[in-house]
Every structure is written in C-alpha cells, then in structure tokens.
Amino acid sequence: MGDESAMDKVKGKAKEMAGKATGDDRMKSEGKTDRAKGKAKGAMDEAKENAQGMRDSLKGKGDRRT
C-alpha cells in the first residue's frame, strides 16, 4: 500500500469519527469518501505491481533457452 493511499484512509477515518462525534453528516460523508479514495488508490497500486510482475516474469521466460 502506498503512503498516499494509507494517508487518505487515516484522514478519512479521522473526518468520519469527527463528523460522527459532532453530528456533522457532511464531514462524516467526506470521511467515507476519503477512505474509499484511499482504498481505490491502494487497489490501483497493487494492480500496477501485479502487472509489472507479470510483465517481468514473461520477459524472463522468453529469455531462457532450454
């Protein structure tokens, strides 16, 4: 998980809890949105890493001569 996605999740959780504590529905919703954004960024980072690994393994497979 990238630092940016983790930061969005933490920020979102804090906003959500503050909104819940103060009764501010807008802040609570913003917090949920920030958390969702963090999860999406994390998923994109993971997919990117998986694609890179797949590409690297395919490159390596074609270079081997048996």
PDB file of N, CA and C in Angstrom:
ATOM      1  N   MET A   1       0.847  -1.172   0.000  1.00  0.00           N
ATOM      2  CA  MET A   1       0.000   0.000   0.000  1.00  0.00           C
ATOM      3  C   MET A   1       0.893   1.235   0.000  1.00  0.00           C
ATOM      4  N   GLY A   2       0.550   2.159  -0.869  1.00  0.00           N
ATOM      5  CA  GLY A   2       1.348   3.377  -0.948  1.00  0.00           C
ATOM      6  C   GLY A   2       1.076   4.297   0.223  1.00  0.00           C
ATOM      7  N   ASP A   3       2.022   5.171   0.487  1.00  0.00           N
ATOM      8  CA  ASP A   3       1.853   6.114   1.589  1.00  0.00           C
ATOM      9  C   ASP A   3       0.645   7.009   1.377  1.00  0.00           C
ATOM     10  N   GLU A   4       0.423   7.396   0.131  1.00  0.00           N
ATOM     11  CA  GLU A   4      -0.678   8.303  -0.171  1.00  0.00           C
ATOM     12  C   GLU A   4      -2.032   7.643   0.105  1.00  0.00           C
ATOM     13  N   SER A   5      -2.178   6.379  -0.245  1.00  0.00           N
ATOM     14  CA  SER A   5      -3.446   5.703  -0.017  1.00  0.00           C
ATOM     15  C   SER A   5      -3.684   5.496   1.482  1.00  0.00           C
ATOM     16  N   ALA A   6      -2.633   5.164   2.214  1.00  0.00           N
ATOM     17  CA  ALA A   6      -2.765   4.993   3.656  1.00  0.00           C
ATOM     18  C   ALA A   6      -3.121   6.318   4.320  1.00  0.00           C
ATOM     19  N   MET A   7      -2.540   7.385   3.828  1.00  0.00           N
ATOM     20  CA  MET A   7      -2.814   8.705   4.389  1.00  0.00           C
ATOM     21  C   MET A   7      -4.283   9.090   4.158  1.00  0.00           C
ATOM     22  N   ASP A   8      -4.800   8.787   2.972  1.00  0.00           N
ATOM     23  CA  ASP A   8      -6.205   9.078   2.680  1.00  0.00           C
ATOM     24  C   ASP A   8      -7.125   8.278   3.597  1.00  0.00           C
ATOM     25  N   LYS A   9      -6.770   7.025   3.858  1.00  0.00           N
ATOM     26  CA  LYS A   9      -7.588   6.199   4.742  1.00  0.00           C
ATOM     27  C   LYS A   9      -7.606   6.758   6.162  1.00  0.00           C
ATOM     28  N   VAL A  10      -6.438   7.145   6.654  1.00  0.00           N
ATOM     29  CA  VAL A  10      -6.339   7.691   8.013  1.00  0.00           C
ATOM     30  C   VAL A  10      -7.085   9.016   8.107  1.00  0.00           C
ATOM     31  N   LYS A  11      -6.876   9.868   7.123  1.00  0.00           N
ATOM     32  CA  LYS A  11      -7.555  11.169   7.106  1.00  0.00           C
ATOM     33  C   LYS A  11      -9.067  10.967   7.048  1.00  0.00           C
ATOM     34  N   GLY A  12      -9.499  10.027   6.226  1.00  0.00           N
ATOM     35  CA  GLY A  12     -10.917   9.749   6.092  1.00  0.00           C
ATOM     36  C   GLY A  12     -11.525   9.232   7.380  1.00  0.00           C
ATOM     37  N   LYS A  13     -10.820   8.337   8.040  1.00  0.00           N
ATOM     38  CA  LYS A  13     -11.316   7.787   9.305  1.00  0.00           C
ATOM     39  C   LYS A  13     -11.441   8.890  10.352  1.00  0.00           C
ATOM     40  N   ALA A  14     -10.446   9.779  10.393  1.00  0.00           N
ATOM     41  CA  ALA A  14     -10.479  10.880  11.351  1.00  0.00           C
ATOM     42  C   ALA A  14     -11.667  11.804  11.076  1.00  0.00           C
ATOM     43  N   LYS A  15     -11.879  12.136   9.806  1.00  0.00           N
ATOM     44  CA  LYS A  15     -13.016  13.001   9.449  1.00  0.00           C
ATOM     45  C   LYS A  15     -14.331  12.321   9.779  1.00  0.00           C
ATOM     46  N   GLU A  16     -14.408  11.035   9.486  1.00  0.00           N
ATOM     47  CA  GLU A  16     -15.639  10.299   9.742  1.00  0.00           C
ATOM     48  C   GLU A  16     -15.960  10.283  11.239  1.00  0.00           C
ATOM     49  N   MET A  17     -14.963  10.021  12.056  1.00  0.00           N
ATOM     50  CA  MET A  17     -15.172   9.989  13.508  1.00  0.00           C
ATOM     51  C   MET A  17     -15.517  11.378  14.056  1.00  0.00           C
ATOM     52  N   ALA A  18     -14.848  12.408  13.528  1.00  0.00           N
ATOM     53  CA  ALA A  18     -15.152  13.776  13.964  1.00  0.00           C
ATOM     54  C   ALA A  18     -16.577  14.149  13.572  1.00  0.00           C
ATOM     55  N   GLY A  19     -16.983  13.776  12.371  1.00  0.00           N
ATOM     56  CA  GLY A  19     -18.343  14.051  11.923  1.00  0.00           C
ATOM     57  C   GLY A  19     -19.370  13.325  12.758  1.00  0.00           C
ATOM     58  N   LYS A  20     -19.045  12.096  13.111  1.00  0.00           N
ATOM     59  CA  LYS A  20     -19.961  11.310  13.942  1.00  0.00           C
ATOM     60  C   LYS A  20     -20.077  11.924  15.330  1.00  0.00           C
ATOM     61  N   ALA A  21     -18.940  12.364  15.897  1.00  0.00           N
ATOM     62  CA  ALA A  21     -18.924  12.936  17.245  1.00  0.00           C
ATOM     63  C   ALA A  21     -19.660  14.270  17.321  1.00  0.00           C
ATOM     64  N   THR A  22     -19.554  15.057  16.254  1.00  0.00           N
ATOM     65  CA  THR A  22     -20.176  16.386  16.272  1.00  0.00           C
ATOM     66  C   THR A  22     -21.559  16.399  15.634  1.00  0.00           C
ATOM     67  N   GLY A  23     -21.947  15.292  15.035  1.00  0.00           N
ATOM     68  CA  GLY A  23     -23.251  15.248  14.366  1.00  0.00           C
ATOM     69  C   GLY A  23     -23.230  15.917  13.000  1.00  0.00           C
ATOM     70  N   ASP A  24     -22.043  16.121  12.452  1.00  0.00           N
ATOM     71  CA  ASP A  24     -21.884  16.771  11.146  1.00  0.00           C
ATOM     72  C   ASP A  24     -21.901  15.697  10.055  1.00  0.00           C
ATOM     73  N   ASP A  25     -23.055  15.529   9.426  1.00  0.00           N
ATOM     74  CA  ASP A  25     -23.210  14.490   8.408  1.00  0.00           C
ATOM     75  C   ASP A  25     -22.322  14.724   7.191  1.00  0.00           C
ATOM     76  N   ARG A  26     -22.098  16.002   6.857  1.00  0.00           N
ATOM     77  CA  ARG A  26     -21.257  16.299   5.694  1.00  0.00           C
ATOM     78  C   ARG A  26     -19.818  15.847   5.935  1.00  0.00           C
ATOM     79  N   MET A  27     -19.291  16.157   7.116  1.00  0.00           N
ATOM     80  CA  MET A  27     -17.921  15.759   7.431  1.00  0.00           C
ATOM     81  C   MET A  27     -17.823  14.226   7.479  1.00  0.00           C
ATOM     82  N   LYS A  28     -18.829  13.595   8.021  1.00  0.00           N
ATOM     83  CA  LYS A  28     -18.860  12.136   8.078  1.00  0.00           C
ATOM     84  C   LYS A  28     -18.825  11.551   6.664  1.00  0.00           C
ATOM     85  N   SER A  29     -19.588  12.140   5.761  1.00  0.00           N
ATOM     86  CA  SER A  29     -19.609  11.683   4.368  1.00  0.00           C
ATOM     87  C   SER A  29     -18.274  11.930   3.679  1.00  0.00           C
ATOM     88  N   GLU A  30     -17.666  13.085   3.945  1.00  0.00           N
ATOM     89  CA  GLU A  30     -16.348  13.375   3.374  1.00  0.00           C
ATOM     90  C   GLU A  30     -15.326  12.346   3.843  1.00  0.00           C
ATOM     91  N   GLY A  31     -15.428  11.959   5.103  1.00  0.00           N
ATOM     92  CA  GLY A  31     -14.527  10.951   5.642  1.00  0.00           C
ATOM     93  C   GLY A  31     -14.686   9.622   4.929  1.00  0.00           C
ATOM     94  N   LYS A  32     -15.929   9.221   4.701  1.00  0.00           N
ATOM     95  CA  LYS A  32     -16.177   7.966   3.987  1.00  0.00           C
ATOM     96  C   LYS A  32     -15.640   8.043   2.565  1.00  0.00           C
ATOM     97  N   THR A  33     -15.794   9.204   1.945  1.00  0.00           N
ATOM     98  CA  THR A  33     -15.279   9.394   0.582  1.00  0.00           C
ATOM     99  C   THR A  33     -13.755   9.305   0.563  1.00  0.00           C
ATOM    100  N   ASP A  34     -13.099   9.934   1.522  1.00  0.00           N
ATOM    101  CA  ASP A  34     -11.637   9.882   1.600  1.00  0.00           C
ATOM    102  C   ASP A  34     -11.141   8.450   1.814  1.00  0.00           C
ATOM    103  N   ARG A  35     -11.843   7.708   2.666  1.00  0.00           N
ATOM    104  CA  ARG A  35     -11.457   6.317   2.903  1.00  0.00           C
ATOM    105  C   ARG A  35     -11.609   5.490   1.635  1.00  0.00           C
ATOM    106  N   ALA A  36     -12.700   5.706   0.906  1.00  0.00           N
ATOM    107  CA  ALA A  36     -12.921   4.972  -0.344  1.00  0.00           C
ATOM    108  C   ALA A  36     -11.848   5.327  -1.363  1.00  0.00           C
ATOM    109  N   LYS A  37     -11.475   6.607  -1.397  1.00  0.00           N
ATOM    110  CA  LYS A  37     -10.415   7.047  -2.311  1.00  0.00           C
ATOM    111  C   LYS A  37      -9.093   6.367  -1.963  1.00  0.00           C
ATOM    112  N   GLY A  38      -8.807   6.253  -0.680  1.00  0.00           N
ATOM    113  CA  GLY A  38      -7.585   5.580  -0.241  1.00  0.00           C
ATOM    114  C   GLY A  38      -7.578   4.112  -0.628  1.00  0.00           C
ATOM    115  N   LYS A  39      -8.722   3.452  -0.467  1.00  0.00           N
ATOM    116  CA  LYS A  39      -8.814   2.038  -0.844  1.00  0.00           C
ATOM    117  C   LYS A  39      -8.627   1.872  -2.351  1.00  0.00           C
ATOM    118  N   ALA A  40      -9.210   2.783  -3.127  1.00  0.00           N
ATOM    119  CA  ALA A  40      -9.080   2.705  -4.589  1.00  0.00           C
ATOM    120  C   ALA A  40      -7.629   2.911  -5.015  1.00  0.00           C
ATOM    121  N   LYS A  41      -6.952   3.869  -4.390  1.00  0.00           N
ATOM    122  CA  LYS A  41      -5.541   4.096  -4.709  1.00  0.00           C
ATOM    123  C   LYS A  41      -4.705   2.871  -4.362  1.00  0.00           C
ATOM    124  N   GLY A  42      -5.011   2.257  -3.231  1.00  0.00           N
ATOM    125  CA  GLY A  42      -4.297   1.055  -2.823  1.00  0.00           C
ATOM    126  C   GLY A  42      -4.505  -0.079  -3.816  1.00  0.00           C
ATOM    127  N   ALA A  43      -5.734  -0.233  -4.281  1.00  0.00           N
ATOM    128  CA  ALA A  43      -6.034  -1.278  -5.261  1.00  0.00           C
ATOM    129  C   ALA A  43      -5.315  -1.008  -6.579  1.00  0.00           C
ATOM    130  N   MET A  44      -5.270   0.242  -6.982  1.00  0.00           N
ATOM    131  CA  MET A  44      -4.570   0.592  -8.223  1.00  0.00           C
ATOM    132  C   MET A  44      -3.070   0.321  -8.096  1.00  0.00           C
ATOM    133  N   ASP A  45      -2.504   0.659  -6.954  1.00  0.00           N
ATOM    134  CA  ASP A  45      -1.081   0.396  -6.729  1.00  0.00           C
ATOM    135  C   ASP A  45      -0.789  -1.104  -6.790  1.00  0.00           C
ATOM    136  N   GLU A  46      -1.668  -1.877  -6.167  1.00  0.00           N
ATOM    137  CA  GLU A  46      -1.485  -3.329  -6.164  1.00  0.00           C
ATOM    138  C   GLU A  46      -1.606  -3.903  -7.575  1.00  0.00           C
ATOM    139  N   ALA A  47      -2.593  -3.430  -8.323  1.00  0.00           N
ATOM    140  CA  ALA A  47      -2.771  -3.902  -9.702  1.00  0.00           C
ATOM    141  C   ALA A  47      -1.559  -3.540 -10.556  1.00  0.00           C
ATOM    142  N   LYS A  48      -1.029  -2.362 -10.342  1.00  0.00           N
ATOM    143  CA  LYS A  48       0.150  -1.916 -11.090  1.00  0.00           C
ATOM    144  C   LYS A  48       1.347  -2.814 -10.786  1.00  0.00           C
ATOM    145  N   GLU A  49       1.524  -3.143  -9.497  1.00  0.00           N
ATOM    146  CA  GLU A  49       2.629  -4.016  -9.107  1.00  0.00           C
ATOM    147  C   GLU A  49       2.449  -5.414  -9.699  1.00  0.00           C
ATOM    148  N   ASN A  50       1.220  -5.916  -9.686  1.00  0.00           N
ATOM    149  CA  ASN A  50       0.958  -7.235 -10.261  1.00  0.00           C
ATOM    150  C   ASN A  50       1.231  -7.251 -11.755  1.00  0.00           C
ATOM    151  N   ALA A  51       0.828  -6.207 -12.442  1.00  0.00           N
ATOM    152  CA  ALA A  51       1.065  -6.122 -13.882  1.00  0.00           C
ATOM    153  C   ALA A  51       2.564  -6.059 -14.176  1.00  0.00           C
ATOM    154  N   GLN A  52       3.289  -5.314 -13.367  1.00  0.00           N
ATOM    155  CA  GLN A  52       4.739  -5.214 -13.536  1.00  0.00           C
ATOM    156  C   GLN A  52       5.390  -6.582 -13.319  1.00  0.00           C
ATOM    157  N   GLY A  53       4.936  -7.288 -12.294  1.00  0.00           N
ATOM    158  CA  GLY A  53       5.476  -8.615 -12.019  1.00  0.00           C
ATOM    159  C   GLY A  53       5.186  -9.590 -13.149  1.00  0.00           C
ATOM    160  N   MET A  54       3.974  -9.516 -13.685  1.00  0.00           N
ATOM    161  CA  MET A  54       3.596 -10.380 -14.801  1.00  0.00           C
ATOM    162  C   MET A  54       4.471 -10.078 -16.012  1.00  0.00           C
ATOM    163  N   ARG A  55       4.656  -8.804 -16.288  1.00  0.00           N
ATOM    164  CA  ARG A  55       5.481  -8.406 -17.427  1.00  0.00           C
ATOM    165  C   ARG A  55       6.921  -8.880 -17.252  1.00  0.00           C
ATOM    166  N   ASP A  56       7.438  -8.708 -16.038  1.00  0.00           N
ATOM    167  CA  ASP A  56       8.813  -9.139 -15.770  1.00  0.00           C
ATOM    168  C   ASP A  56       8.960 -10.649 -15.898  1.00  0.00           C
ATOM    169  N   SER A  57       7.958 -11.388 -15.412  1.00  0.00           N
ATOM    170  CA  SER A  57       8.061 -12.845 -15.500  1.00  0.00           C
ATOM    171  C   SER A  57       7.952 -13.317 -16.942  1.00  0.00           C
ATOM    172  N   LEU A  58       7.149 -12.636 -17.740  1.00  0.00           N
ATOM    173  CA  LEU A  58       7.042 -13.008 -19.152  1.00  0.00           C
ATOM    174  C   LEU A  58       8.321 -12.675 -19.901  1.00  0.00           C
ATOM    175  N   LYS A  59       8.932 -11.567 -19.578  1.00  0.00           N
ATOM    176  CA  LYS A  59      10.210 -11.207 -20.196  1.00  0.00           C
ATOM    177  C   LYS A  59      11.261 -12.252 -19.866  1.00  0.00           C
ATOM    178  N   GLY A  60      11.336 -12.629 -18.602  1.00  0.00           N
ATOM    179  CA  GLY A  60      12.322 -13.604 -18.162  1.00  0.00           C
ATOM    180  C   GLY A  60      12.085 -14.957 -18.796  1.00  0.00           C
ATOM    181  N   LYS A  61      10.850 -15.329 -18.984  1.00  0.00           N
ATOM    182  CA  LYS A  61      10.503 -16.628 -19.552  1.00  0.00           C
ATOM    183  C   LYS A  61      10.950 -16.709 -21.015  1.00  0.00           C
ATOM    184  N   GLY A  62      10.814 -15.648 -21.740  1.00  0.00           N
ATOM    185  CA  GLY A  62      11.216 -15.633 -23.137  1.00  0.00           C
ATOM    186  C   GLY A  62      12.725 -15.619 -23.321  1.00  0.00           C
ATOM    187  N   ASP A  63      13.474 -15.163 -22.302  1.00  0.00           N
ATOM    188  CA  ASP A  63      14.933 -15.078 -22.413  1.00  0.00           C
ATOM    189  C   ASP A  63      15.609 -16.414 -22.162  1.00  0.00           C
ATOM    190  N   ARG A  64      14.937 -17.337 -21.462  1.00  0.00           N
ATOM    191  CA  ARG A  64      15.549 -18.623 -21.129  1.00  0.00           C
ATOM    192  C   ARG A  64      15.578 -19.539 -22.333  1.00  0.00           C
ATOM    193  N   ARG A  65      16.689 -20.194 -22.490  1.00  0.00           N
ATOM    194  CA  ARG A  65      16.803 -21.165 -23.584  1.00  0.00           C
ATOM    195  C   ARG A  65      17.023 -22.536 -22.973  1.00  0.00           C
ATOM    196  N   THR A  66      16.147 -23.460 -23.315  1.00  0.00           N
ATOM    197  CA  THR A  66      16.280 -24.809 -22.769  1.00  0.00           C
ATOM    198  C   THR A  66      16.431 -25.829 -23.854  1.00  0.00           C
TER     199      THR A  66
END
